[in-house]
Amino acid sequence: MSNGYLTREDAPIGPETWKALDDTMIQAARSVLTGRRVFFT
C-alpha cells in the first residue's frame, strides 16, 4: 500500500511495522463495519 499523502517515509518506523499497523487497523475496522447489498429488480 503506497500512499504518498501519509508521508510514511518521514516516520521513524520501518515497512514491517507499517504492515503490522495496517493489518491491525483493517482487522479492527472489519469487526465494527457492516455492509449491505441492495438489489433492485
PDB file of N, CA and C in Angstrom:
ATOM      1  N   MET A   1       0.861  -1.173   0.000  1.00  0.00           N
ATOM      2  CA  MET A   1       0.000   0.000   0.000  1.00  0.00           C
ATOM      3  C   MET A   1       0.901   1.228   0.000  1.00  0.00           C
ATOM      4  N   SER A   2       0.952   1.898  -1.111  1.00  0.00           N
ATOM      5  CA  SER A   2       1.823   3.055  -1.225  1.00  0.00           C
ATOM      6  C   SER A   2       0.967   4.316  -1.316  1.00  0.00           C
ATOM      7  N   ASN A   3       0.937   5.057  -0.225  1.00  0.00           N
ATOM      8  CA  ASN A   3       0.153   6.291  -0.181  1.00  0.00           C
ATOM      9  C   ASN A   3       1.078   7.449   0.126  1.00  0.00           C
ATOM     10  N   GLY A   4       1.358   8.287  -0.861  1.00  0.00           N
ATOM     11  CA  GLY A   4       2.249   9.411  -0.680  1.00  0.00           C
ATOM     12  C   GLY A   4       1.742  10.437   0.317  1.00  0.00           C
ATOM     13  N   TYR A   5       0.436  10.570   0.437  1.00  0.00           N
ATOM     14  CA  TYR A   5      -0.110  11.593   1.324  1.00  0.00           C
ATOM     15  C   TYR A   5       0.051  11.243   2.796  1.00  0.00           C
ATOM     16  N   LEU A   6       0.386   9.998   3.104  1.00  0.00           N
ATOM     17  CA  LEU A   6       0.596   9.616   4.501  1.00  0.00           C
ATOM     18  C   LEU A   6       1.999   9.949   4.983  1.00  0.00           C
ATOM     19  N   THR A   7       2.893  10.247   4.085  1.00  0.00           N
ATOM     20  CA  THR A   7       4.300  10.561   4.368  1.00  0.00           C
ATOM     21  C   THR A   7       4.919   9.575   5.353  1.00  0.00           C
ATOM     22  N   ARG A   8       4.696   8.312   5.088  1.00  0.00           N
ATOM     23  CA  ARG A   8       5.229   7.264   5.951  1.00  0.00           C
ATOM     24  C   ARG A   8       6.747   7.247   5.955  1.00  0.00           C
ATOM     25  N   GLU A   9       7.340   7.659   4.862  1.00  0.00           N
ATOM     26  CA  GLU A   9       8.800   7.632   4.809  1.00  0.00           C
ATOM     27  C   GLU A   9       9.428   8.611   5.801  1.00  0.00           C
ATOM     28  N   ASP A  10       8.667   9.569   6.297  1.00  0.00           N
ATOM     29  CA  ASP A  10       9.167  10.513   7.298  1.00  0.00           C
ATOM     30  C   ASP A  10       9.100   9.955   8.716  1.00  0.00           C
ATOM     31  N   ALA A  11       8.342   8.875   8.910  1.00  0.00           N
ATOM     32  CA  ALA A  11       8.194   8.299  10.249  1.00  0.00           C
ATOM     33  C   ALA A  11       9.413   7.435  10.591  1.00  0.00           C
ATOM     34  N   PRO A  12       9.751   7.365  11.857  1.00  0.00           N
ATOM     35  CA  PRO A  12      10.934   6.592  12.264  1.00  0.00           C
ATOM     36  C   PRO A  12      10.655   5.097  12.441  1.00  0.00           C
ATOM     37  N   ILE A  13       9.743   4.535  11.640  1.00  0.00           N
ATOM     38  CA  ILE A  13       9.455   3.105  11.723  1.00  0.00           C
ATOM     39  C   ILE A  13       9.585   2.483  10.340  1.00  0.00           C
ATOM     40  N   GLY A  14       9.821   1.194  10.313  1.00  0.00           N
ATOM     41  CA  GLY A  14      10.066   0.504   9.056  1.00  0.00           C
ATOM     42  C   GLY A  14       8.808  -0.047   8.405  1.00  0.00           C
ATOM     43  N   PRO A  15       8.974  -0.601   7.216  1.00  0.00           N
ATOM     44  CA  PRO A  15       7.834  -1.142   6.473  1.00  0.00           C
ATOM     45  C   PRO A  15       7.147  -2.308   7.180  1.00  0.00           C
ATOM     46  N   GLU A  16       7.899  -3.096   7.946  1.00  0.00           N
ATOM     47  CA  GLU A  16       7.290  -4.216   8.668  1.00  0.00           C
ATOM     48  C   GLU A  16       6.306  -3.704   9.720  1.00  0.00           C
ATOM     49  N   THR A  17       6.683  -2.619  10.376  1.00  0.00           N
ATOM     50  CA  THR A  17       5.811  -2.027  11.385  1.00  0.00           C
ATOM     51  C   THR A  17       4.578  -1.433  10.738  1.00  0.00           C
ATOM     52  N   TRP A  18       4.747  -0.766   9.597  1.00  0.00           N
ATOM     53  CA  TRP A  18       3.590  -0.220   8.878  1.00  0.00           C
ATOM     54  C   TRP A  18       2.635  -1.326   8.458  1.00  0.00           C
ATOM     55  N   LYS A  19       3.193  -2.459   8.006  1.00  0.00           N
ATOM     56  CA  LYS A  19       2.364  -3.597   7.596  1.00  0.00           C
ATOM     57  C   LYS A  19       1.556  -4.107   8.785  1.00  0.00           C
ATOM     58  N   ALA A  20       2.206  -4.233   9.942  1.00  0.00           N
ATOM     59  CA  ALA A  20       1.509  -4.698  11.146  1.00  0.00           C
ATOM     60  C   ALA A  20       0.417  -3.716  11.551  1.00  0.00           C
ATOM     61  N   LEU A  21       0.710  -2.425  11.485  1.00  0.00           N
ATOM     62  CA  LEU A  21      -0.301  -1.413  11.815  1.00  0.00           C
ATOM     63  C   LEU A  21      -1.476  -1.467  10.848  1.00  0.00           C
ATOM     64  N   ASP A  22      -1.182  -1.560   9.557  1.00  0.00           N
ATOM     65  CA  ASP A  22      -2.242  -1.635   8.551  1.00  0.00           C
ATOM     66  C   ASP A  22      -3.133  -2.854   8.785  1.00  0.00           C
ATOM     67  N   ASP A  23      -2.511  -4.007   9.014  1.00  0.00           N
ATOM     68  CA  ASP A  23      -3.282  -5.233   9.242  1.00  0.00           C
ATOM     69  C   ASP A  23      -4.165  -5.116  10.471  1.00  0.00           C
ATOM     70  N   THR A  24      -3.625  -4.537  11.539  1.00  0.00           N
ATOM     71  CA  THR A  24      -4.392  -4.364  12.773  1.00  0.00           C
ATOM     72  C   THR A  24      -5.563  -3.417  12.574  1.00  0.00           C
ATOM     73  N   MET A  25      -5.323  -2.312  11.871  1.00  0.00           N
ATOM     74  CA  MET A  25      -6.401  -1.340  11.641  1.00  0.00           C
ATOM     75  C   MET A  25      -7.500  -1.915  10.744  1.00  0.00           C
ATOM     76  N   ILE A  26      -7.103  -2.670   9.740  1.00  0.00           N
ATOM     77  CA  ILE A  26      -8.090  -3.291   8.846  1.00  0.00           C
ATOM     78  C   ILE A  26      -8.930  -4.311   9.616  1.00  0.00           C
ATOM     79  N   GLN A  27      -8.279  -5.101  10.441  1.00  0.00           N
ATOM     80  CA  GLN A  27      -8.997  -6.097  11.237  1.00  0.00           C
ATOM     81  C   GLN A  27      -9.976  -5.415  12.202  1.00  0.00           C
ATOM     82  N   ALA A  28      -9.557  -4.336  12.841  1.00  0.00           N
ATOM     83  CA  ALA A  28     -10.431  -3.608  13.762  1.00  0.00           C
ATOM     84  C   ALA A  28     -11.614  -2.996  13.024  1.00  0.00           C
ATOM     85  N   ALA A  29     -11.367  -2.436  11.848  1.00  0.00           N
ATOM     86  CA  ALA A  29     -12.454  -1.829  11.073  1.00  0.00           C
ATOM     87  C   ALA A  29     -13.455  -2.890  10.622  1.00  0.00           C
ATOM     88  N   ARG A  30     -12.967  -4.031  10.192  1.00  0.00           N
ATOM     89  CA  ARG A  30     -13.870  -5.098   9.746  1.00  0.00           C
ATOM     90  C   ARG A  30     -14.745  -5.608  10.871  1.00  0.00           C
ATOM     91  N   SER A  31     -14.283  -5.522  12.094  1.00  0.00           N
ATOM     92  CA  SER A  31     -15.074  -6.024  13.216  1.00  0.00           C
ATOM     93  C   SER A  31     -16.236  -5.102  13.573  1.00  0.00           C
ATOM     94  N   VAL A  32     -16.173  -3.847  13.159  1.00  0.00           N
ATOM     95  CA  VAL A  32     -17.247  -2.915  13.511  1.00  0.00           C
ATOM     96  C   VAL A  32     -18.036  -2.407  12.310  1.00  0.00           C
ATOM     97  N   LEU A  33     -17.475  -2.537  11.115  1.00  0.00           N
ATOM     98  CA  LEU A  33     -18.178  -2.050   9.939  1.00  0.00           C
ATOM     99  C   LEU A  33     -19.042  -3.143   9.342  1.00  0.00           C
ATOM    100  N   THR A  34     -20.163  -2.737   8.790  1.00  0.00           N
ATOM    101  CA  THR A  34     -21.038  -3.684   8.117  1.00  0.00           C
ATOM    102  C   THR A  34     -21.345  -3.167   6.732  1.00  0.00           C
ATOM    103  N   GLY A  35     -21.722  -4.043   5.885  1.00  0.00           N
ATOM    104  CA  GLY A  35     -22.092  -3.662   4.530  1.00  0.00           C
ATOM    105  C   GLY A  35     -23.353  -4.387   4.115  1.00  0.00           C
ATOM    106  N   ARG A  36     -24.069  -3.789   3.222  1.00  0.00           N
ATOM    107  CA  ARG A  36     -25.296  -4.408   2.720  1.00  0.00           C
ATOM    108  C   ARG A  36     -25.307  -4.321   1.212  1.00  0.00           C
ATOM    109  N   ARG A  37     -25.842  -5.338   0.639  1.00  0.00           N
ATOM    110  CA  ARG A  37     -26.042  -5.319  -0.819  1.00  0.00           C
ATOM    111  C   ARG A  37     -27.517  -5.084  -1.068  1.00  0.00           C
ATOM    112  N   VAL A  38     -27.769  -4.147  -1.916  1.00  0.00           N
ATOM    113  CA  VAL A  38     -29.136  -3.832  -2.270  1.00  0.00           C
ATOM    114  C   VAL A  38     -29.324  -4.183  -3.737  1.00  0.00           C
ATOM    115  N   PHE A  39     -30.249  -5.059  -3.988  1.00  0.00           N
ATOM    116  CA  PHE A  39     -30.521  -5.478  -5.357  1.00  0.00           C
ATOM    117  C   PHE A  39     -31.845  -4.887  -5.796  1.00  0.00           C
ATOM    118  N   PHE A  40     -31.815  -4.223  -6.902  1.00  0.00           N
ATOM    119  CA  PHE A  40     -33.025  -3.663  -7.468  1.00  0.00           C
ATOM    120  C   PHE A  40     -33.428  -4.511  -8.663  1.00  0.00           C
ATOM    121  N   THR A  41     -34.646  -4.946  -8.660  1.00  0.00           N
ATOM    122  CA  THR A  41     -35.109  -5.747  -9.792  1.00  0.00           C
ATOM    123  C   THR A  41     -36.271  -5.100 -10.482  1.00  0.00           C
TER     124      THR A  41
END
